[in-house]
N, C-alpha and C. Protein backbone atom coordinates (compact mmCIF):
# COMPACT_ATOMS: atom_id res chain seq x y z
N MET A 1 -33.16 -30.27 -3.71
CA MET A 1 -32.67 -28.91 -3.58
C MET A 1 -31.57 -28.88 -2.52
N ALA A 2 -30.46 -28.24 -2.83
CA ALA A 2 -29.35 -28.15 -1.90
C ALA A 2 -29.68 -27.17 -0.78
N SER A 3 -29.15 -27.48 0.40
CA SER A 3 -29.40 -26.59 1.54
C SER A 3 -28.28 -25.55 1.64
N PHE A 4 -28.59 -24.45 2.26
CA PHE A 4 -27.64 -23.36 2.47
C PHE A 4 -26.81 -23.71 3.69
N THR A 5 -25.51 -23.90 3.51
CA THR A 5 -24.64 -24.36 4.58
C THR A 5 -23.86 -23.20 5.21
N LEU A 6 -23.13 -23.53 6.26
CA LEU A 6 -22.26 -22.54 6.89
C LEU A 6 -21.20 -22.05 5.90
N LEU A 7 -20.66 -22.96 5.09
CA LEU A 7 -19.68 -22.55 4.08
C LEU A 7 -20.30 -21.59 3.07
N ASP A 8 -21.55 -21.83 2.70
CA ASP A 8 -22.25 -20.89 1.81
C ASP A 8 -22.36 -19.51 2.45
N ALA A 9 -22.70 -19.48 3.72
CA ALA A 9 -22.85 -18.21 4.44
C ALA A 9 -21.51 -17.48 4.51
N ILE A 10 -20.44 -18.20 4.78
CA ILE A 10 -19.11 -17.59 4.83
C ILE A 10 -18.77 -16.99 3.46
N GLY A 11 -19.04 -17.73 2.40
CA GLY A 11 -18.79 -17.23 1.05
C GLY A 11 -19.61 -15.99 0.73
N MET A 12 -20.87 -15.99 1.15
CA MET A 12 -21.73 -14.83 0.89
C MET A 12 -21.23 -13.59 1.63
N VAL A 13 -20.78 -13.77 2.86
CA VAL A 13 -20.22 -12.64 3.61
C VAL A 13 -18.99 -12.10 2.88
N GLY A 14 -18.16 -13.01 2.37
CA GLY A 14 -17.00 -12.59 1.61
C GLY A 14 -17.37 -11.80 0.37
N VAL A 15 -18.34 -12.29 -0.36
CA VAL A 15 -18.80 -11.58 -1.57
C VAL A 15 -19.34 -10.20 -1.20
N LEU A 16 -20.13 -10.13 -0.14
CA LEU A 16 -20.70 -8.85 0.28
C LEU A 16 -19.60 -7.86 0.68
N LEU A 17 -18.56 -8.35 1.36
CA LEU A 17 -17.45 -7.47 1.74
C LEU A 17 -16.75 -6.92 0.51
N MET A 18 -16.47 -7.77 -0.46
CA MET A 18 -15.78 -7.31 -1.67
C MET A 18 -16.66 -6.36 -2.48
N LEU A 19 -17.94 -6.66 -2.59
CA LEU A 19 -18.84 -5.77 -3.32
C LEU A 19 -18.98 -4.42 -2.61
N ALA A 20 -19.04 -4.44 -1.29
CA ALA A 20 -19.15 -3.19 -0.53
C ALA A 20 -17.89 -2.35 -0.74
N ALA A 21 -16.73 -2.99 -0.67
CA ALA A 21 -15.48 -2.26 -0.89
C ALA A 21 -15.45 -1.65 -2.28
N TYR A 22 -15.88 -2.41 -3.27
CA TYR A 22 -15.88 -1.90 -4.64
C TYR A 22 -16.86 -0.73 -4.78
N ALA A 23 -18.06 -0.89 -4.26
CA ALA A 23 -19.06 0.17 -4.36
C ALA A 23 -18.60 1.44 -3.64
N LEU A 24 -18.00 1.28 -2.49
CA LEU A 24 -17.54 2.44 -1.72
C LEU A 24 -16.36 3.13 -2.38
N THR A 25 -15.48 2.38 -3.03
CA THR A 25 -14.37 3.02 -3.72
C THR A 25 -14.84 3.72 -4.99
N VAL A 26 -15.73 3.08 -5.73
CA VAL A 26 -16.23 3.69 -6.97
C VAL A 26 -17.02 4.96 -6.67
N SER A 27 -17.73 4.95 -5.55
CA SER A 27 -18.51 6.14 -5.19
C SER A 27 -17.66 7.22 -4.52
N GLY A 28 -16.38 6.93 -4.30
CA GLY A 28 -15.49 7.92 -3.70
C GLY A 28 -15.59 8.02 -2.20
N ARG A 29 -16.26 7.09 -1.56
CA ARG A 29 -16.43 7.17 -0.10
C ARG A 29 -15.23 6.64 0.67
N ILE A 30 -14.49 5.69 0.07
CA ILE A 30 -13.26 5.22 0.71
C ILE A 30 -12.15 5.17 -0.33
N ASP A 31 -10.93 5.29 0.15
CA ASP A 31 -9.74 5.24 -0.71
C ASP A 31 -9.36 3.77 -0.92
N PRO A 32 -9.25 3.33 -2.17
CA PRO A 32 -8.93 1.92 -2.42
C PRO A 32 -7.53 1.51 -1.98
N LEU A 33 -6.68 2.47 -1.66
CA LEU A 33 -5.32 2.16 -1.23
C LEU A 33 -5.14 2.25 0.28
N ARG A 34 -6.23 2.45 1.00
CA ARG A 34 -6.18 2.53 2.47
C ARG A 34 -6.65 1.21 3.08
N PRO A 35 -6.33 0.98 4.33
CA PRO A 35 -6.63 -0.30 4.96
C PRO A 35 -8.09 -0.74 4.92
N ALA A 36 -9.02 0.16 5.02
CA ALA A 36 -10.44 -0.26 5.07
C ALA A 36 -10.81 -1.05 3.82
N ALA A 37 -10.50 -0.52 2.66
CA ALA A 37 -10.83 -1.20 1.41
C ALA A 37 -9.99 -2.46 1.24
N LEU A 38 -8.70 -2.35 1.55
CA LEU A 38 -7.82 -3.50 1.38
C LEU A 38 -8.21 -4.66 2.30
N LEU A 39 -8.57 -4.35 3.54
CA LEU A 39 -8.99 -5.39 4.47
C LEU A 39 -10.31 -6.04 4.05
N CYS A 40 -11.23 -5.23 3.56
CA CYS A 40 -12.49 -5.80 3.06
C CYS A 40 -12.23 -6.77 1.92
N ASN A 41 -11.34 -6.39 1.02
CA ASN A 41 -11.01 -7.25 -0.10
C ASN A 41 -10.27 -8.51 0.35
N LEU A 42 -9.32 -8.37 1.27
CA LEU A 42 -8.56 -9.51 1.75
C LEU A 42 -9.46 -10.49 2.51
N VAL A 43 -10.20 -9.98 3.46
CA VAL A 43 -11.08 -10.84 4.26
C VAL A 43 -12.17 -11.46 3.37
N GLY A 44 -12.70 -10.68 2.46
CA GLY A 44 -13.71 -11.19 1.54
C GLY A 44 -13.19 -12.32 0.68
N ALA A 45 -12.01 -12.15 0.11
CA ALA A 45 -11.42 -13.18 -0.74
C ALA A 45 -11.12 -14.45 0.06
N VAL A 46 -10.60 -14.28 1.26
CA VAL A 46 -10.31 -15.46 2.10
C VAL A 46 -11.61 -16.17 2.46
N ALA A 47 -12.66 -15.43 2.75
CA ALA A 47 -13.95 -16.06 3.07
C ALA A 47 -14.48 -16.86 1.89
N VAL A 48 -14.36 -16.31 0.70
CA VAL A 48 -14.80 -17.06 -0.49
C VAL A 48 -13.94 -18.30 -0.67
N LEU A 49 -12.63 -18.18 -0.44
CA LEU A 49 -11.76 -19.36 -0.54
C LEU A 49 -12.16 -20.43 0.47
N VAL A 50 -12.51 -20.02 1.67
CA VAL A 50 -12.98 -20.98 2.68
C VAL A 50 -14.24 -21.67 2.19
N SER A 51 -15.14 -20.92 1.60
CA SER A 51 -16.39 -21.51 1.12
C SER A 51 -16.15 -22.53 0.01
N LEU A 52 -15.06 -22.34 -0.72
CA LEU A 52 -14.76 -23.25 -1.83
C LEU A 52 -14.27 -24.62 -1.36
N THR A 53 -13.98 -24.76 -0.08
CA THR A 53 -13.61 -26.08 0.42
C THR A 53 -14.79 -27.04 0.35
N GLY A 54 -15.99 -26.50 0.30
CA GLY A 54 -17.19 -27.33 0.20
C GLY A 54 -17.58 -27.64 -1.23
N ALA A 55 -17.21 -26.78 -2.16
CA ALA A 55 -17.54 -26.97 -3.58
C ALA A 55 -16.40 -26.39 -4.39
N PHE A 56 -15.34 -27.19 -4.56
CA PHE A 56 -14.11 -26.72 -5.19
C PHE A 56 -14.34 -26.31 -6.64
N ASN A 57 -13.68 -25.20 -7.03
CA ASN A 57 -13.77 -24.70 -8.39
C ASN A 57 -12.45 -23.98 -8.69
N TRP A 58 -11.66 -24.51 -9.64
CA TRP A 58 -10.34 -23.97 -9.91
C TRP A 58 -10.36 -22.50 -10.30
N SER A 59 -11.26 -22.12 -11.17
CA SER A 59 -11.26 -20.72 -11.62
C SER A 59 -11.57 -19.78 -10.46
N ALA A 60 -12.46 -20.17 -9.58
CA ALA A 60 -12.77 -19.33 -8.42
C ALA A 60 -11.58 -19.27 -7.46
N VAL A 61 -10.88 -20.39 -7.27
CA VAL A 61 -9.70 -20.40 -6.40
C VAL A 61 -8.63 -19.47 -6.94
N VAL A 62 -8.41 -19.51 -8.25
CA VAL A 62 -7.38 -18.66 -8.86
C VAL A 62 -7.73 -17.18 -8.68
N ILE A 63 -8.94 -16.77 -9.00
CA ILE A 63 -9.29 -15.35 -8.90
C ILE A 63 -9.30 -14.87 -7.45
N GLU A 64 -9.81 -15.67 -6.54
CA GLU A 64 -9.86 -15.25 -5.14
C GLU A 64 -8.47 -15.24 -4.51
N SER A 65 -7.62 -16.18 -4.91
CA SER A 65 -6.24 -16.17 -4.42
C SER A 65 -5.51 -14.92 -4.90
N ALA A 66 -5.68 -14.59 -6.17
CA ALA A 66 -5.06 -13.38 -6.71
C ALA A 66 -5.59 -12.15 -5.98
N TRP A 67 -6.89 -12.11 -5.76
CA TRP A 67 -7.53 -10.98 -5.06
C TRP A 67 -6.93 -10.82 -3.67
N ALA A 68 -6.76 -11.94 -2.97
CA ALA A 68 -6.21 -11.91 -1.61
C ALA A 68 -4.75 -11.47 -1.62
N VAL A 69 -3.95 -11.97 -2.54
CA VAL A 69 -2.54 -11.61 -2.62
C VAL A 69 -2.39 -10.12 -2.94
N ILE A 70 -3.17 -9.63 -3.87
CA ILE A 70 -3.10 -8.21 -4.23
C ILE A 70 -3.49 -7.33 -3.04
N ALA A 71 -4.55 -7.69 -2.34
CA ALA A 71 -4.99 -6.91 -1.18
C ALA A 71 -3.94 -6.97 -0.07
N ALA A 72 -3.36 -8.15 0.17
CA ALA A 72 -2.32 -8.29 1.19
C ALA A 72 -1.10 -7.46 0.82
N ALA A 73 -0.70 -7.48 -0.44
CA ALA A 73 0.43 -6.68 -0.89
C ALA A 73 0.15 -5.19 -0.70
N GLY A 74 -1.07 -4.78 -0.95
CA GLY A 74 -1.44 -3.39 -0.73
C GLY A 74 -1.35 -3.00 0.74
N LEU A 75 -1.76 -3.91 1.61
CA LEU A 75 -1.66 -3.64 3.05
C LEU A 75 -0.20 -3.55 3.49
N VAL A 76 0.63 -4.45 3.00
CA VAL A 76 2.06 -4.41 3.33
C VAL A 76 2.66 -3.10 2.84
N ARG A 77 2.34 -2.72 1.64
CA ARG A 77 2.85 -1.46 1.07
C ARG A 77 2.41 -0.27 1.92
N TRP A 78 1.16 -0.28 2.36
CA TRP A 78 0.65 0.81 3.19
C TRP A 78 1.42 0.88 4.52
N VAL A 79 1.65 -0.29 5.14
CA VAL A 79 2.38 -0.33 6.42
C VAL A 79 3.81 0.18 6.23
N VAL A 80 4.47 -0.27 5.17
CA VAL A 80 5.86 0.15 4.92
C VAL A 80 5.93 1.65 4.69
N ARG A 81 5.00 2.19 3.97
CA ARG A 81 4.99 3.64 3.70
C ARG A 81 4.73 4.47 4.95
N ARG A 82 4.00 3.89 5.89
CA ARG A 82 3.70 4.61 7.14
C ARG A 82 4.92 4.74 8.03
N ARG A 83 5.93 3.88 7.84
CA ARG A 83 7.13 3.90 8.70
C ARG A 83 8.14 4.88 8.23
């Protein structure tokens, strides 16, 4: 049986952040275009990417990279609009 590693824990935190952001946006508690949701998605995706260094998987890398890029672009857009 495989043991639960630090990389696994980092990945789980990332998944929880992304799921929390999704649940909160769907329930109308946070705006998906505001920093709170975007940061949860960005940090979550990066955490999952870090966890993949221990057990590489191309499909997971592609989806998490896209998730991170989209969240980062949303944050940049939010900052630009604030100026």
